[in-house]
């Protein structure tokens, strides 16, 4: 990468490198008129999924996107997968953090020689899946670490203590 006067690579090169290497966090906003609440973060996240031990004959783009669509909406296949330079595959998907995410899926295909239906189980690994608090509607924490829930519980405890004293 060529350096600028500050000694850093130009923004476009840094951005392209970060996107290729998956070193960025993306926020996805699904907007509709009147539905935007800036106090709540979206329940959608952009996440890489890995498909370990996937058969090499399923590395074609169409096959991978079809498999990834069983999880949620696929966006892109990483370059190492496209060039088959790694034995596992990675696909970037947009998924809902409140959805039940499968840990494995069933792949079905017909054997050309015997004509029999063959079923295989494919494991799915979610890379850096962000936490999401359904109470305060923010990413990066869950209900166990939510300050609003702990504050609510403290207020309820104070009310209970006041009622017991009276």
Protein backbone atom coordinates (compact mmCIF):
# COMPACT_ATOMS: atom_id res chain seq x y z
CA UNK A 1 0.00 0.00 0.00
CA UNK A 2 1.30 3.44 -0.89
CA UNK A 3 1.62 5.92 2.00
CA UNK A 4 0.30 9.50 2.14
CA UNK A 5 2.09 12.48 3.70
CA UNK A 6 0.92 11.28 7.13
CA UNK A 7 2.59 7.91 6.57
CA UNK A 8 -0.75 6.09 6.39
CA UNK A 9 -2.17 4.43 3.28
CA UNK A 10 -4.93 6.36 1.49
CA UNK A 11 -8.45 5.87 2.86
CA UNK A 12 -9.70 3.87 -0.13
CA UNK A 13 -6.84 1.37 0.15
CA UNK A 14 -7.33 1.03 3.94
CA UNK A 15 -11.08 0.57 3.47
CA UNK A 16 -10.63 -2.03 0.71
CA UNK A 17 -8.08 -3.93 2.83
CA UNK A 18 -10.38 -3.92 5.86
CA UNK A 19 -13.33 -5.14 3.79
CA UNK A 20 -11.28 -7.94 2.19
CA UNK A 21 -9.94 -9.09 5.54
CA UNK A 22 -13.27 -8.76 7.35
CA UNK A 23 -11.83 -6.24 9.83
CA UNK A 24 -14.83 -3.95 9.96
CA UNK A 25 -18.13 -3.84 11.78
CA UNK A 26 -21.12 -2.97 9.68
CA UNK A 27 -24.44 -1.62 10.88
CA UNK A 28 -27.47 -2.39 8.76
CA UNK A 29 -30.51 -0.14 8.83
CA UNK A 30 -33.80 -1.25 7.38
CA UNK A 31 -35.77 1.95 7.03
CA UNK A 32 -39.44 2.50 6.45
CA UNK A 33 -41.33 5.75 6.73
CA UNK A 34 -42.04 6.67 10.35
CA UNK A 35 -40.40 3.53 11.76
CA UNK A 36 -36.96 4.96 12.60
CA UNK A 37 -36.23 5.17 16.31
CA UNK A 38 -32.68 6.39 16.92
CA UNK A 39 -32.77 5.17 20.53
CA UNK A 40 -32.99 1.57 19.34
CA UNK A 41 -30.35 -0.25 17.33
CA UNK A 42 -31.38 -2.50 14.50
CA UNK A 43 -31.84 -6.19 15.20
CA UNK A 44 -29.98 -6.95 11.98
CA UNK A 45 -26.25 -7.67 11.81
CA UNK A 46 -23.77 -8.45 9.07
CA UNK A 47 -21.88 -11.59 10.06
CA UNK A 48 -19.50 -14.06 8.41
CA UNK A 49 -20.62 -17.67 8.59
CA UNK A 50 -18.21 -20.54 8.08
CA UNK A 51 -19.15 -23.88 6.57
CA UNK A 52 -16.38 -26.23 7.78
CA UNK A 53 -15.71 -29.49 5.95
CA UNK A 54 -18.01 -28.58 3.07
CA UNK A 55 -17.53 -30.80 0.05
CA UNK A 56 -15.32 -29.07 -2.58
CA UNK A 57 -17.90 -29.70 -5.30
CA UNK A 58 -20.21 -27.27 -3.44
CA UNK A 59 -17.71 -24.36 -3.55
CA UNK A 60 -19.46 -22.86 -6.59
CA UNK A 61 -20.89 -19.42 -5.93
CA UNK A 62 -24.48 -20.45 -6.70
CA UNK A 63 -24.26 -23.46 -4.36
CA UNK A 64 -22.73 -21.45 -1.53
CA UNK A 65 -25.29 -18.65 -1.79
CA UNK A 66 -28.08 -21.23 -1.82
CA UNK A 67 -26.70 -22.92 1.30
CA UNK A 68 -26.16 -19.58 3.07
CA UNK A 69 -29.70 -18.46 2.25
CA UNK A 70 -30.99 -21.15 4.63
CA UNK A 71 -29.51 -19.08 7.46
CA UNK A 72 -30.50 -15.61 6.23
CA UNK A 73 -29.76 -13.28 3.34
CA UNK A 74 -26.28 -13.91 1.84
CA UNK A 75 -24.30 -10.88 0.66
CA UNK A 76 -20.87 -12.00 -0.53
CA UNK A 77 -18.43 -14.91 -0.53
CA UNK A 78 -14.92 -14.19 0.75
CA UNK A 79 -12.00 -14.17 -1.70
CA UNK A 80 -10.23 -17.20 -0.23
CA UNK A 81 -13.40 -19.21 -0.83
CA UNK A 82 -13.79 -17.86 -4.38
CA UNK A 83 -10.23 -18.84 -5.26
CA UNK A 84 -10.45 -22.12 -3.29
CA UNK A 85 -7.30 -21.31 -1.34
CA UNK A 86 -8.77 -22.57 1.97
CA UNK A 87 -10.50 -25.89 2.72
CA UNK A 88 -13.42 -24.20 4.52
CA UNK A 89 -15.83 -21.58 3.21
CA UNK A 90 -17.01 -18.21 4.47
CA UNK A 91 -20.08 -16.29 3.40
CA UNK A 92 -21.19 -12.88 4.68
CA UNK A 93 -24.90 -12.75 5.57
CA UNK A 94 -27.38 -10.27 7.01
CA UNK A 95 -29.22 -11.93 9.85
CA UNK A 96 -31.72 -11.05 12.54
CA UNK A 97 -30.23 -11.22 16.01
CA UNK A 98 -33.56 -12.21 17.54
CA UNK A 99 -34.03 -15.15 15.15
CA UNK A 100 -33.23 -18.72 16.16
CA UNK A 101 -30.01 -19.39 14.29
CA UNK A 102 -29.33 -22.97 13.17
CA UNK A 103 -26.06 -24.66 14.16
CA UNK A 104 -26.39 -27.09 11.29
CA UNK A 105 -28.50 -27.60 8.20
CA UNK A 106 -29.43 -30.63 6.10
CA UNK A 107 -28.17 -30.77 2.53
CA UNK A 108 -30.07 -33.07 0.20
CA UNK A 109 -29.07 -34.18 -3.27
CA UNK A 110 -29.67 -37.07 -5.62
CA UNK A 111 -26.81 -39.49 -6.32
CA UNK A 112 -26.39 -39.66 -10.11
CA UNK A 113 -25.32 -43.32 -10.14
CA UNK A 114 -27.92 -44.85 -7.83
CA UNK A 115 -30.68 -42.21 -8.08
CA UNK A 116 -31.04 -42.27 -4.28
CA UNK A 117 -31.64 -39.20 -2.16
CA UNK A 118 -28.61 -38.46 0.01
CA UNK A 119 -28.77 -36.27 3.12
CA UNK A 120 -25.74 -34.67 4.73
CA UNK A 121 -25.57 -32.45 7.80
CA UNK A 122 -23.55 -29.26 7.41
CA UNK A 123 -22.27 -27.42 10.47
CA UNK A 124 -22.58 -23.61 10.54
CA UNK A 125 -20.20 -21.46 12.57
CA UNK A 126 -21.04 -17.79 13.20
CA UNK A 127 -17.96 -15.57 13.37
CA UNK A 128 -18.17 -12.71 15.90
CA UNK A 129 -21.93 -12.83 16.34
CA UNK A 130 -22.83 -9.66 18.28
CA UNK A 131 -24.91 -9.84 21.44
CA UNK A 132 -28.28 -8.07 21.45
CA UNK A 133 -30.37 -6.94 24.41
CA UNK A 134 -34.07 -7.29 23.72
CA UNK A 135 -34.88 -5.00 26.67
CA UNK A 136 -32.86 -1.87 25.81
CA UNK A 137 -32.58 -2.72 22.07
CA UNK A 138 -28.78 -2.28 21.89
CA UNK A 139 -26.02 -4.42 20.41
CA UNK A 140 -22.95 -5.47 22.33
CA UNK A 141 -24.71 -6.67 25.48
CA UNK A 142 -27.36 -9.13 26.53
CA UNK A 143 -30.02 -9.10 29.23
CA UNK A 144 -27.54 -10.31 31.87
CA UNK A 145 -25.28 -7.27 31.40
CA UNK A 146 -27.94 -4.63 30.62
CA UNK A 147 -27.71 -1.58 32.89
CA UNK A 148 -31.36 -0.68 32.34
CA UNK A 149 -32.50 -4.08 33.58
CA UNK A 150 -30.23 -3.91 36.63
CA UNK A 151 -31.48 -0.37 37.36
CA UNK A 152 -35.10 -1.57 37.03
CA UNK A 153 -34.39 -4.51 39.36
CA UNK A 154 -32.79 -2.19 41.94
CA UNK A 155 -35.83 0.12 41.83
CA UNK A 156 -38.16 -2.87 42.24
CA UNK A 157 -36.08 -4.10 45.19
CA UNK A 158 -36.24 -0.64 46.83
CA UNK A 159 -40.03 -0.61 46.37
CA UNK A 160 -40.26 -4.13 47.86
CA UNK A 161 -38.07 -3.06 50.82
CA UNK A 162 -40.28 -0.01 51.38
CA UNK A 163 -43.42 -2.14 51.34
CA UNK A 164 -41.92 -4.62 53.86
CA UNK A 165 -40.93 -1.80 56.24
CA UNK A 166 -44.41 -0.26 56.18
